[in-house]
Amino acid sequence: MSIPASVEARGNPAARREHILDAAEACFVRNGFHRATMQDLAREAAMSPGNFYRYFESKEALVVGLVERERERGARLVEEMERSGDRRGALLDIIARYFVSITRAAAVLRLEVWSEATRNPAIAALTARTEAETRDWFTATFSALATSPDCDPDRLYALLAPLMKGILVGRAILPDYDPGPAVTELHTLLETGLDGRLPRAVTAGPPPNG
């Protein structure tokens, strides 16, 4: 099937790149990362394969592009928080807005990337790097916003991270999932941790003899 010239010529390079990333997200969500081919992706973007490869040479490159786009969106939220006179309140608001408004497609895409990371070393490395950057940002932010010397940023993030991932999983696989209660728990845990009021960790002792 030939691609209309008007489609091939539409938009500037930045707009075309965004269009391709939108198409890739839709294709990965519908077909799965592993099953989607570059031909499928070019077709989804209504582009000829040759022109498509000018922007992204592989599926891995597309995942990098999607991750970078998500990072840019996150950076804009961080800038919003930094401009706020109440950084702590702004952080709570941003977390709530992000997890309440995240679409099922975005959550499914995140699961697709995690799944592919179990098979693809390049995606695994990208995922590990992104996870490390996220952890470092959160722990540094917790340190800056803590109101008590008893706040343990590393432990607080270790408790929050599984809950945040759980919201994404629920949004991806449960049609009627309501993230509201989990977001409320996130807020409670965050406030408690920043105030240095997390319960002490219980250290398991040796198993009983006999």
N, C-alpha and C. Protein backbone atom coordinates (compact mmCIF):
# COMPACT_ATOMS: atom_id res chain seq x y z
N MET A 1 0.85 -1.20 0.00
CA MET A 1 0.00 0.00 0.00
C MET A 1 0.88 1.24 0.00
N SER A 2 0.64 2.17 -0.90
CA SER A 2 1.43 3.39 -0.94
C SER A 2 0.91 4.38 0.08
N ILE A 3 1.81 5.17 0.63
CA ILE A 3 1.45 6.17 1.63
C ILE A 3 1.25 7.51 0.94
N PRO A 4 0.12 8.18 1.15
CA PRO A 4 -0.10 9.47 0.49
C PRO A 4 1.02 10.45 0.81
N ALA A 5 1.41 11.22 -0.21
CA ALA A 5 2.49 12.18 -0.03
C ALA A 5 2.16 13.19 1.04
N SER A 6 0.88 13.55 1.17
CA SER A 6 0.50 14.55 2.17
C SER A 6 0.76 14.04 3.58
N VAL A 7 0.61 12.70 3.77
CA VAL A 7 0.89 12.13 5.08
C VAL A 7 2.38 12.14 5.36
N GLU A 8 3.18 11.74 4.33
CA GLU A 8 4.63 11.70 4.50
C GLU A 8 5.20 13.09 4.80
N ALA A 9 4.61 14.12 4.21
CA ALA A 9 5.19 15.46 4.33
C ALA A 9 4.66 16.24 5.52
N ARG A 10 3.63 15.69 6.20
CA ARG A 10 2.95 16.46 7.24
C ARG A 10 3.84 16.70 8.45
N GLY A 11 3.87 17.95 8.92
CA GLY A 11 4.52 18.26 10.18
C GLY A 11 6.02 18.45 10.07
N ASN A 12 6.57 19.16 11.06
CA ASN A 12 8.02 19.32 11.13
C ASN A 12 8.62 18.10 11.81
N PRO A 13 9.96 17.98 11.83
CA PRO A 13 10.57 16.77 12.41
C PRO A 13 10.16 16.50 13.85
N ALA A 14 10.06 17.55 14.67
CA ALA A 14 9.68 17.33 16.07
C ALA A 14 8.25 16.82 16.16
N ALA A 15 7.36 17.40 15.36
CA ALA A 15 5.97 16.94 15.36
C ALA A 15 5.87 15.52 14.82
N ARG A 16 6.66 15.21 13.79
CA ARG A 16 6.64 13.86 13.24
C ARG A 16 7.15 12.84 14.26
N ARG A 17 8.17 13.22 15.01
CA ARG A 17 8.70 12.32 16.04
C ARG A 17 7.63 12.03 17.10
N GLU A 18 6.91 13.07 17.51
CA GLU A 18 5.83 12.87 18.48
C GLU A 18 4.75 11.96 17.90
N HIS A 19 4.44 12.17 16.63
CA HIS A 19 3.43 11.33 15.96
C HIS A 19 3.87 9.87 15.96
N ILE A 20 5.14 9.63 15.67
CA ILE A 20 5.65 8.25 15.65
C ILE A 20 5.59 7.64 17.05
N LEU A 21 5.97 8.40 18.07
CA LEU A 21 5.93 7.87 19.43
C LEU A 21 4.49 7.55 19.86
N ASP A 22 3.55 8.40 19.47
CA ASP A 22 2.14 8.12 19.76
C ASP A 22 1.70 6.82 19.08
N ALA A 23 2.11 6.67 17.82
CA ALA A 23 1.75 5.46 17.07
C ALA A 23 2.40 4.23 17.69
N ALA A 24 3.66 4.35 18.10
CA ALA A 24 4.36 3.22 18.72
C ALA A 24 3.68 2.82 20.02
N GLU A 25 3.29 3.80 20.81
CA GLU A 25 2.60 3.50 22.07
C GLU A 25 1.32 2.72 21.80
N ALA A 26 0.54 3.17 20.82
CA ALA A 26 -0.72 2.48 20.50
C ALA A 26 -0.45 1.06 20.01
N CYS A 27 0.56 0.90 19.17
CA CYS A 27 0.87 -0.41 18.60
C CYS A 27 1.40 -1.36 19.67
N PHE A 28 2.28 -0.89 20.53
CA PHE A 28 2.82 -1.74 21.60
C PHE A 28 1.72 -2.17 22.57
N VAL A 29 0.81 -1.26 22.87
CA VAL A 29 -0.28 -1.58 23.80
C VAL A 29 -1.21 -2.62 23.18
N ARG A 30 -1.49 -2.48 21.90
CA ARG A 30 -2.43 -3.39 21.24
C ARG A 30 -1.80 -4.76 20.94
N ASN A 31 -0.57 -4.77 20.44
CA ASN A 31 0.05 -6.01 19.98
C ASN A 31 1.09 -6.59 20.93
N GLY A 32 1.55 -5.77 21.88
CA GLY A 32 2.66 -6.19 22.72
C GLY A 32 3.98 -5.83 22.07
N PHE A 33 4.96 -5.50 22.89
CA PHE A 33 6.26 -5.08 22.36
C PHE A 33 6.89 -6.21 21.55
N HIS A 34 6.82 -7.42 22.08
CA HIS A 34 7.54 -8.54 21.47
C HIS A 34 6.97 -8.89 20.09
N ARG A 35 5.65 -8.81 19.94
CA ARG A 35 5.01 -9.19 18.69
C ARG A 35 5.04 -8.09 17.64
N ALA A 36 5.06 -6.85 18.07
CA ALA A 36 5.02 -5.73 17.11
C ALA A 36 6.29 -5.72 16.27
N THR A 37 6.13 -5.55 14.97
CA THR A 37 7.28 -5.46 14.06
C THR A 37 7.47 -4.01 13.63
N MET A 38 8.62 -3.72 13.06
CA MET A 38 8.86 -2.37 12.57
C MET A 38 7.88 -2.03 11.44
N GLN A 39 7.47 -3.05 10.66
CA GLN A 39 6.48 -2.81 9.62
C GLN A 39 5.13 -2.44 10.23
N ASP A 40 4.76 -3.12 11.33
CA ASP A 40 3.52 -2.77 12.04
C ASP A 40 3.58 -1.32 12.52
N LEU A 41 4.72 -0.95 13.06
CA LEU A 41 4.87 0.40 13.62
C LEU A 41 4.81 1.46 12.53
N ALA A 42 5.45 1.19 11.40
CA ALA A 42 5.40 2.15 10.28
C ALA A 42 3.97 2.28 9.77
N ARG A 43 3.26 1.16 9.69
CA ARG A 43 1.87 1.19 9.23
C ARG A 43 1.01 1.99 10.20
N GLU A 44 1.23 1.79 11.50
CA GLU A 44 0.46 2.52 12.51
C GLU A 44 0.67 4.03 12.38
N ALA A 45 1.90 4.41 12.03
CA ALA A 45 2.23 5.83 11.88
C ALA A 45 1.87 6.38 10.50
N ALA A 46 1.33 5.51 9.62
CA ALA A 46 0.98 5.91 8.25
C ALA A 46 2.20 6.47 7.52
N MET A 47 3.32 5.76 7.66
CA MET A 47 4.56 6.17 7.02
C MET A 47 5.13 5.01 6.23
N SER A 48 5.93 5.32 5.22
CA SER A 48 6.65 4.27 4.52
C SER A 48 7.75 3.76 5.44
N PRO A 49 8.10 2.46 5.35
CA PRO A 49 9.17 1.93 6.21
C PRO A 49 10.47 2.72 6.08
N GLY A 50 10.81 3.11 4.86
CA GLY A 50 12.07 3.84 4.67
C GLY A 50 12.09 5.15 5.43
N ASN A 51 11.00 5.88 5.38
CA ASN A 51 10.94 7.16 6.10
C ASN A 51 10.90 6.92 7.61
N PHE A 52 10.20 5.86 8.02
CA PHE A 52 10.10 5.55 9.44
C PHE A 52 11.49 5.30 10.03
N TYR A 53 12.32 4.54 9.30
CA TYR A 53 13.66 4.21 9.80
C TYR A 53 14.57 5.43 9.90
N ARG A 54 14.22 6.51 9.23
CA ARG A 54 15.01 7.74 9.37
C ARG A 54 14.90 8.31 10.78
N TYR A 55 13.80 8.01 11.46
CA TYR A 55 13.58 8.55 12.80
C TYR A 55 13.98 7.56 13.89
N PHE A 56 13.65 6.29 13.69
CA PHE A 56 13.95 5.26 14.70
C PHE A 56 14.40 4.00 13.97
N GLU A 57 15.58 3.53 14.31
CA GLU A 57 16.16 2.40 13.58
C GLU A 57 15.77 1.05 14.16
N SER A 58 15.15 1.02 15.34
CA SER A 58 14.80 -0.26 15.96
C SER A 58 13.70 -0.03 17.00
N LYS A 59 13.11 -1.14 17.45
CA LYS A 59 12.12 -1.04 18.52
C LYS A 59 12.76 -0.54 19.81
N GLU A 60 14.00 -0.95 20.05
CA GLU A 60 14.70 -0.48 21.25
C GLU A 60 14.85 1.04 21.22
N ALA A 61 15.15 1.59 20.03
CA ALA A 61 15.28 3.04 19.91
C ALA A 61 13.94 3.73 20.20
N LEU A 62 12.86 3.09 19.80
CA LEU A 62 11.53 3.65 20.09
C LEU A 62 11.26 3.65 21.59
N VAL A 63 11.65 2.57 22.27
CA VAL A 63 11.45 2.52 23.72
C VAL A 63 12.25 3.63 24.39
N VAL A 64 13.49 3.83 23.93
CA VAL A 64 14.30 4.93 24.47
C VAL A 64 13.57 6.25 24.26
N GLY A 65 13.00 6.44 23.07
CA GLY A 65 12.27 7.67 22.80
C GLY A 65 11.06 7.84 23.70
N LEU A 66 10.34 6.76 23.95
CA LEU A 66 9.17 6.82 24.84
C LEU A 66 9.59 7.13 26.27
N VAL A 67 10.70 6.52 26.71
CA VAL A 67 11.18 6.77 28.07
C VAL A 67 11.65 8.22 28.20
N GLU A 68 12.34 8.71 27.17
CA GLU A 68 12.81 10.10 27.21
C GLU A 68 11.63 11.07 27.25
N ARG A 69 10.58 10.75 26.50
CA ARG A 69 9.40 11.62 26.52
C ARG A 69 8.76 11.63 27.90
N GLU A 70 8.69 10.46 28.53
CA GLU A 70 8.13 10.39 29.88
C GLU A 70 9.00 11.16 30.86
N ARG A 71 10.33 11.09 30.67
CA ARG A 71 11.24 11.84 31.53
C ARG A 71 11.03 13.35 31.37
N GLU A 72 10.82 13.79 30.14
CA GLU A 72 10.57 15.22 29.90
C GLU A 72 9.28 15.67 30.56
N ARG A 73 8.26 14.83 30.51
CA ARG A 73 7.00 15.17 31.18
C ARG A 73 7.21 15.25 32.69
N GLY A 74 7.99 14.32 33.21
CA GLY A 74 8.30 14.35 34.64
C GLY A 74 9.08 15.59 35.02
N ALA A 75 10.00 16.00 34.14
CA ALA A 75 10.80 17.20 34.42
C ALA A 75 9.92 18.44 34.50
N ARG A 76 8.89 18.49 33.67
CA ARG A 76 7.98 19.64 33.72
C ARG A 76 7.21 19.66 35.04
N LEU A 77 6.85 18.48 35.55
CA LEU A 77 6.17 18.41 36.85
C LEU A 77 7.12 18.85 37.97
N VAL A 78 8.39 18.46 37.85
CA VAL A 78 9.37 18.86 38.86
C VAL A 78 9.54 20.38 38.84
N GLU A 79 9.59 20.97 37.65
CA GLU A 79 9.70 22.43 37.56
C GLU A 79 8.50 23.11 38.21
N GLU A 80 7.33 22.52 38.02
CA GLU A 80 6.13 23.06 38.65
C GLU A 80 6.26 23.01 40.17
N MET A 81 6.79 21.90 40.68
CA MET A 81 6.96 21.77 42.13
C MET A 81 7.97 22.79 42.65
N GLU A 82 9.08 22.98 41.90
CA GLU A 82 10.12 23.89 42.34
C GLU A 82 9.63 25.33 42.37
N ARG A 83 8.70 25.67 41.48
CA ARG A 83 8.17 27.04 41.45
C ARG A 83 7.17 27.30 42.56
N SER A 84 6.65 26.23 43.14
CA SER A 84 5.62 26.38 44.16
C SER A 84 6.22 26.89 45.46
N GLY A 85 5.45 27.70 46.17
CA GLY A 85 5.90 28.15 47.48
C GLY A 85 5.80 27.06 48.52
N ASP A 86 5.00 26.04 48.24
CA ASP A 86 4.82 24.91 49.15
C ASP A 86 5.27 23.66 48.41
N ARG A 87 6.56 23.36 48.44
CA ARG A 87 7.10 22.24 47.66
C ARG A 87 6.53 20.91 48.14
N ARG A 88 6.34 20.79 49.43
CA ARG A 88 5.80 19.53 49.96
C ARG A 88 4.35 19.33 49.50
N GLY A 89 3.55 20.36 49.60
CA GLY A 89 2.18 20.27 49.12
C GLY A 89 2.12 20.03 47.62
N ALA A 90 3.03 20.67 46.89
CA ALA A 90 3.07 20.49 45.44
C ALA A 90 3.44 19.05 45.08
N LEU A 91 4.38 18.45 45.83
CA LEU A 91 4.76 17.06 45.57
C LEU A 91 3.57 16.14 45.77
N LEU A 92 2.84 16.33 46.85
CA LEU A 92 1.66 15.50 47.11
C LEU A 92 0.63 15.66 46.00
N ASP A 93 0.43 16.89 45.55
CA ASP A 93 -0.55 17.16 44.50
C ASP A 93 -0.12 16.53 43.18
N ILE A 94 1.16 16.62 42.85
CA ILE A 94 1.66 16.07 41.59
C ILE A 94 1.53 14.55 41.59
N ILE A 95 1.87 13.90 42.70
CA ILE A 95 1.74 12.45 42.79
C ILE A 95 0.29 12.04 42.60
N ALA A 96 -0.62 12.76 43.25
CA ALA A 96 -2.04 12.44 43.12
C ALA A 96 -2.51 12.60 41.68
N ARG A 97 -2.15 13.73 41.06
CA ARG A 97 -2.60 13.97 39.69
C ARG A 97 -2.04 12.94 38.72
N TYR A 98 -0.77 12.58 38.92
CA TYR A 98 -0.14 11.62 38.00
C TYR A 98 -0.83 10.27 38.06
N PHE A 99 -1.02 9.74 39.26
CA PHE A 99 -1.55 8.38 39.38
C PHE A 99 -3.06 8.32 39.17
N VAL A 100 -3.78 9.40 39.46
CA VAL A 100 -5.22 9.40 39.21
C VAL A 100 -5.52 9.55 37.72
N SER A 101 -4.68 10.32 37.02
CA SER A 101 -4.97 10.62 35.62
C SER A 101 -4.29 9.69 34.62
N ILE A 102 -3.38 8.83 35.07
CA ILE A 102 -2.66 7.99 34.12
C ILE A 102 -3.63 7.10 33.36
N THR A 103 -3.46 7.02 32.06
CA THR A 103 -4.36 6.24 31.23
C THR A 103 -4.01 4.76 31.29
N ARG A 104 -4.98 3.94 30.94
CA ARG A 104 -4.71 2.50 30.90
C ARG A 104 -3.61 2.21 29.88
N ALA A 105 -3.63 2.90 28.73
CA ALA A 105 -2.61 2.66 27.71
C ALA A 105 -1.22 2.94 28.25
N ALA A 106 -1.06 4.03 28.99
CA ALA A 106 0.25 4.37 29.54
C ALA A 106 0.70 3.32 30.55
N ALA A 107 -0.25 2.81 31.35
CA ALA A 107 0.10 1.78 32.34
C ALA A 107 0.46 0.47 31.65
N VAL A 108 -0.30 0.10 30.62
CA VAL A 108 0.01 -1.13 29.88
C VAL A 108 1.38 -1.03 29.23
N LEU A 109 1.68 0.14 28.67
CA LEU A 109 2.99 0.33 28.04
C LEU A 109 4.11 0.12 29.06
N ARG A 110 3.93 0.64 30.27
CA ARG A 110 4.95 0.46 31.31
C ARG A 110 5.16 -1.03 31.60
N LEU A 111 4.07 -1.78 31.67
CA LEU A 111 4.20 -3.22 31.91
C LEU A 111 4.87 -3.93 30.74
N GLU A 112 4.59 -3.48 29.52
CA GLU A 112 5.23 -4.07 28.35
C GLU A 112 6.74 -3.86 28.39
N VAL A 113 7.16 -2.67 28.78
CA VAL A 113 8.60 -2.39 28.87
C VAL A 113 9.24 -3.25 29.95
N TRP A 114 8.59 -3.35 31.11
CA TRP A 114 9.13 -4.19 32.18
C TRP A 114 9.23 -5.64 31.74
N SER A 115 8.21 -6.12 31.04
CA SER A 115 8.22 -7.51 30.57
C SER A 115 9.36 -7.74 29.58
N GLU A 116 9.52 -6.81 28.65
CA GLU A 116 10.58 -6.96 27.65
C GLU A 116 11.96 -6.89 28.30
N ALA A 117 12.06 -6.18 29.42
CA ALA A 117 13.34 -6.08 30.13
C ALA A 117 13.81 -7.43 30.65
N THR A 118 12.90 -8.39 30.81
CA THR A 118 13.29 -9.72 31.27
C THR A 118 13.93 -10.54 30.16
N ARG A 119 13.79 -10.08 28.90
CA ARG A 119 14.32 -10.83 27.76
C ARG A 119 15.39 -10.08 26.99
N ASN A 120 15.34 -8.75 27.05
CA ASN A 120 16.18 -7.92 26.19
C ASN A 120 17.18 -7.15 27.04
N PRO A 121 18.48 -7.46 26.92
CA PRO A 121 19.48 -6.79 27.77
C PRO A 121 19.50 -5.27 27.60
N ALA A 122 19.26 -4.78 26.38
CA ALA A 122 19.29 -3.33 26.16
C ALA A 122 18.14 -2.65 26.91
N ILE A 123 16.95 -3.26 26.85
CA ILE A 123 15.80 -2.70 27.57
C ILE A 123 15.99 -2.86 29.07
N ALA A 124 16.61 -3.98 29.49
CA ALA A 124 16.88 -4.19 30.91
C ALA A 124 17.81 -3.11 31.45
N ALA A 125 18.84 -2.76 30.68
CA ALA A 125 19.78 -1.72 31.11
C ALA A 125 19.09 -0.37 31.19
N LEU A 126 18.24 -0.08 30.20
CA LEU A 126 17.51 1.19 30.20
C LEU A 126 16.56 1.26 31.40
N THR A 127 15.88 0.16 31.68
CA THR A 127 14.95 0.12 32.81
C THR A 127 15.69 0.31 34.13
N ALA A 128 16.83 -0.36 34.28
CA ALA A 128 17.61 -0.23 35.51
C ALA A 128 18.10 1.20 35.70
N ARG A 129 18.53 1.83 34.61
CA ARG A 129 19.02 3.21 34.70
C ARG A 129 17.88 4.16 35.07
N THR A 130 16.72 3.96 34.47
CA THR A 130 15.56 4.80 34.78
C THR A 130 15.13 4.63 36.23
N GLU A 131 15.11 3.37 36.70
CA GLU A 131 14.74 3.10 38.08
C GLU A 131 15.72 3.78 39.05
N ALA A 132 17.01 3.73 38.74
CA ALA A 132 18.01 4.34 39.60
C ALA A 132 17.85 5.86 39.64
N GLU A 133 17.59 6.46 38.48
CA GLU A 133 17.39 7.91 38.43
C GLU A 133 16.16 8.32 39.23
N THR A 134 15.10 7.53 39.10
CA THR A 134 13.87 7.83 39.85
C THR A 134 14.11 7.73 41.35
N ARG A 135 14.79 6.67 41.77
CA ARG A 135 15.09 6.49 43.19
C ARG A 135 15.93 7.64 43.71
N ASP A 136 16.96 8.03 42.96
CA ASP A 136 17.85 9.10 43.41
C ASP A 136 17.09 10.42 43.54
N TRP A 137 16.19 10.69 42.57
CA TRP A 137 15.44 11.95 42.64
C TRP A 137 14.52 11.95 43.86
N PHE A 138 13.80 10.87 44.07
CA PHE A 138 12.88 10.82 45.19
C PHE A 138 13.61 10.92 46.53
N THR A 139 14.70 10.19 46.69
CA THR A 139 15.39 10.23 47.99
C THR A 139 16.00 11.61 48.25
N ALA A 140 16.51 12.26 47.20
CA ALA A 140 17.04 13.62 47.38
C ALA A 140 15.92 14.59 47.74
N THR A 141 14.77 14.42 47.10
CA THR A 141 13.63 15.29 47.39
C THR A 141 13.12 15.06 48.80
N PHE A 142 13.05 13.80 49.21
CA PHE A 142 12.61 13.50 50.58
C PHE A 142 13.57 14.14 51.60
N SER A 143 14.86 14.08 51.33
CA SER A 143 15.84 14.69 52.24
C SER A 143 15.60 16.18 52.36
N ALA A 144 15.29 16.82 51.23
CA ALA A 144 15.08 18.27 51.23
C ALA A 144 13.78 18.67 51.92
N LEU A 145 12.76 17.80 51.86
CA LEU A 145 11.45 18.15 52.40
C LEU A 145 11.20 17.59 53.80
N ALA A 146 12.14 16.81 54.32
CA ALA A 146 11.94 16.19 55.63
C ALA A 146 11.80 17.25 56.71
N THR A 147 10.92 16.98 57.67
CA THR A 147 10.73 17.90 58.79
C THR A 147 11.27 17.31 60.09
N SER A 148 11.95 16.18 59.99
CA SER A 148 12.50 15.54 61.18
C SER A 148 13.82 14.86 60.82
N PRO A 149 14.79 14.90 61.72
CA PRO A 149 16.04 14.18 61.46
C PRO A 149 15.84 12.67 61.45
N ASP A 150 14.68 12.20 61.92
CA ASP A 150 14.40 10.77 61.91
C ASP A 150 13.89 10.28 60.56
N CYS A 151 13.68 11.20 59.62
CA CYS A 151 13.25 10.78 58.28
C CYS A 151 14.35 9.96 57.62
N ASP A 152 13.99 8.81 57.09
CA ASP A 152 14.94 7.93 56.39
C ASP A 152 14.52 7.88 54.92
N PRO A 153 15.10 8.73 54.06
CA PRO A 153 14.66 8.81 52.67
C PRO A 153 14.75 7.48 51.92
N ASP A 154 15.81 6.72 52.16
CA ASP A 154 15.97 5.45 51.44
C ASP A 154 14.87 4.46 51.83
N ARG A 155 14.60 4.38 53.12
CA ARG A 155 13.55 3.46 53.57
C ARG A 155 12.18 3.93 53.10
N LEU A 156 11.96 5.24 53.13
CA LEU A 156 10.67 5.77 52.68
C LEU A 156 10.44 5.42 51.22
N TYR A 157 11.46 5.58 50.39
CA TYR A 157 11.29 5.24 48.97
C TYR A 157 11.08 3.73 48.81
N ALA A 158 11.79 2.93 49.59
CA ALA A 158 11.63 1.47 49.50
C ALA A 158 10.20 1.04 49.82
N LEU A 159 9.52 1.80 50.67
CA LEU A 159 8.13 1.49 51.00
C LEU A 159 7.16 2.05 49.95
N LEU A 160 7.48 3.21 49.40
CA LEU A 160 6.59 3.85 48.43
C LEU A 160 6.64 3.20 47.05
N ALA A 161 7.83 2.78 46.63
CA ALA A 161 8.00 2.29 45.25
C ALA A 161 7.07 1.13 44.91
N PRO A 162 6.96 0.09 45.76
CA PRO A 162 6.05 -1.01 45.40
C PRO A 162 4.59 -0.56 45.30
N LEU A 163 4.20 0.40 46.13
CA LEU A 163 2.83 0.89 46.08
C LEU A 163 2.58 1.65 44.78
N MET A 164 3.55 2.45 44.35
CA MET A 164 3.41 3.18 43.09
C MET A 164 3.34 2.22 41.91
N LYS A 165 4.19 1.19 41.93
CA LYS A 165 4.15 0.20 40.85
C LYS A 165 2.84 -0.58 40.88
N GLY A 166 2.32 -0.84 42.07
CA GLY A 166 1.06 -1.55 42.18
C GLY A 166 -0.09 -0.78 41.56
N ILE A 167 -0.07 0.55 41.69
CA ILE A 167 -1.11 1.37 41.06
C ILE A 167 -1.05 1.20 39.55
N LEU A 168 0.15 1.19 38.99
CA LEU A 168 0.30 1.02 37.54
C LEU A 168 -0.22 -0.35 37.10
N VAL A 169 0.10 -1.39 37.86
CA VAL A 169 -0.36 -2.73 37.51
C VAL A 169 -1.89 -2.80 37.57
N GLY A 170 -2.46 -2.26 38.64
CA GLY A 170 -3.91 -2.27 38.77
C GLY A 170 -4.59 -1.52 37.64
N ARG A 171 -4.03 -0.37 37.28
CA ARG A 171 -4.61 0.43 36.19
C ARG A 171 -4.53 -0.32 34.87
N ALA A 172 -3.47 -1.10 34.68
CA ALA A 172 -3.26 -1.80 33.41
C ALA A 172 -4.19 -3.00 33.25
N ILE A 173 -4.43 -3.75 34.32
CA ILE A 173 -5.10 -5.05 34.15
C ILE A 173 -6.53 -5.09 34.67
N LEU A 174 -6.96 -4.08 35.45
CA LEU A 174 -8.31 -4.10 36.01
C LEU A 174 -9.14 -2.99 35.37
N PRO A 175 -10.16 -3.34 34.59
CA PRO A 175 -10.94 -2.32 33.87
C PRO A 175 -11.56 -1.26 34.77
N ASP A 176 -12.01 -1.65 35.96
CA ASP A 176 -12.70 -0.71 36.85
C ASP A 176 -11.81 -0.26 38.01
N TYR A 177 -10.51 -0.34 37.83
CA TYR A 177 -9.60 -0.01 38.93
C TYR A 177 -9.72 1.46 39.33
N ASP A 178 -9.84 1.69 40.63
CA ASP A 178 -9.90 3.04 41.18
C ASP A 178 -8.61 3.30 41.97
N PRO A 179 -7.74 4.18 41.47
CA PRO A 179 -6.47 4.41 42.17
C PRO A 179 -6.60 5.28 43.41
N GLY A 180 -7.79 5.85 43.63
CA GLY A 180 -7.96 6.79 44.73
C GLY A 180 -7.51 6.28 46.09
N PRO A 181 -7.98 5.11 46.55
CA PRO A 181 -7.54 4.62 47.86
C PRO A 181 -6.03 4.42 47.96
N ALA A 182 -5.42 3.91 46.89
CA ALA A 182 -3.97 3.70 46.92
C ALA A 182 -3.23 5.04 46.97
N VAL A 183 -3.74 6.04 46.26
CA VAL A 183 -3.12 7.37 46.30
C VAL A 183 -3.23 7.96 47.70
N THR A 184 -4.36 7.74 48.36
CA THR A 184 -4.52 8.20 49.74
C THR A 184 -3.47 7.55 50.64
N GLU A 185 -3.24 6.24 50.45
CA GLU A 185 -2.22 5.55 51.23
C GLU A 185 -0.83 6.10 50.92
N LEU A 186 -0.58 6.42 49.65
CA LEU A 186 0.69 7.04 49.28
C LEU A 186 0.91 8.33 50.05
N HIS A 187 -0.11 9.17 50.07
CA HIS A 187 -0.01 10.45 50.77
C HIS A 187 0.25 10.24 52.26
N THR A 188 -0.49 9.31 52.87
CA THR A 188 -0.32 9.06 54.30
C THR A 188 1.09 8.57 54.61
N LEU A 189 1.56 7.64 53.81
CA LEU A 189 2.90 7.10 54.02
C LEU A 189 3.96 8.17 53.81
N LEU A 190 3.77 9.01 52.80
CA LEU A 190 4.73 10.06 52.51
C LEU A 190 4.79 11.08 53.65
N GLU A 191 3.63 11.52 54.12
CA GLU A 191 3.59 12.48 55.22
C GLU A 191 4.23 11.88 56.48
N THR A 192 3.90 10.63 56.76
CA THR A 192 4.45 9.96 57.94
C THR A 192 5.97 9.85 57.84
N GLY A 193 6.44 9.47 56.66
CA GLY A 193 7.88 9.30 56.48
C GLY A 193 8.65 10.61 56.55
N LEU A 194 8.12 11.66 55.93
CA LEU A 194 8.80 12.96 55.97
C LEU A 194 8.85 13.52 57.39
N ASP A 195 7.86 13.17 58.20
CA ASP A 195 7.84 13.62 59.59
C ASP A 195 8.64 12.69 60.52
N GLY A 196 9.28 11.67 59.94
CA GLY A 196 10.10 10.77 60.75
C GLY A 196 9.30 9.86 61.65
N ARG A 197 8.07 9.52 61.23
CA ARG A 197 7.19 8.72 62.09
C ARG A 197 6.92 7.32 61.53
N LEU A 198 7.78 6.84 60.64
CA LEU A 198 7.60 5.48 60.15
C LEU A 198 7.82 4.48 61.29
N PRO A 199 7.03 3.41 61.34
CA PRO A 199 7.27 2.38 62.35
C PRO A 199 8.67 1.80 62.18
N ARG A 200 9.27 1.42 63.27
CA ARG A 200 10.59 0.82 63.18
C ARG A 200 10.52 -0.50 62.43
N ALA A 201 11.53 -0.73 61.60
CA ALA A 201 11.57 -1.99 60.85
C ALA A 201 11.81 -3.14 61.82
N VAL A 202 11.11 -4.22 61.59
CA VAL A 202 11.26 -5.41 62.43
C VAL A 202 12.32 -6.30 61.81
N THR A 203 13.36 -6.58 62.57
CA THR A 203 14.43 -7.45 62.09
C THR A 203 14.13 -8.89 62.48
N ALA A 204 14.08 -9.74 61.49
CA ALA A 204 13.78 -11.15 61.77
C ALA A 204 14.94 -11.79 62.53
N GLY A 205 14.62 -12.50 63.57
CA GLY A 205 15.65 -13.20 64.34
C GLY A 205 15.93 -14.57 63.76
N PRO A 206 16.84 -15.29 64.35
CA PRO A 206 17.15 -16.64 63.85
C PRO A 206 15.97 -17.57 64.07
N PRO A 207 15.81 -18.56 63.21
CA PRO A 207 14.69 -19.49 63.38
C PRO A 207 14.84 -20.26 64.68
N PRO A 208 13.72 -20.61 65.30
CA PRO A 208 13.81 -21.36 66.57
C PRO A 208 14.43 -22.73 66.36
N ASN A 209 15.15 -23.18 67.36
CA ASN A 209 15.76 -24.51 67.29
C ASN A 209 14.69 -25.58 67.44
N GLY A 210 14.97 -26.70 66.84
CA GLY A 210 14.08 -27.83 67.00
C GLY A 210 12.95 -27.80 66.04
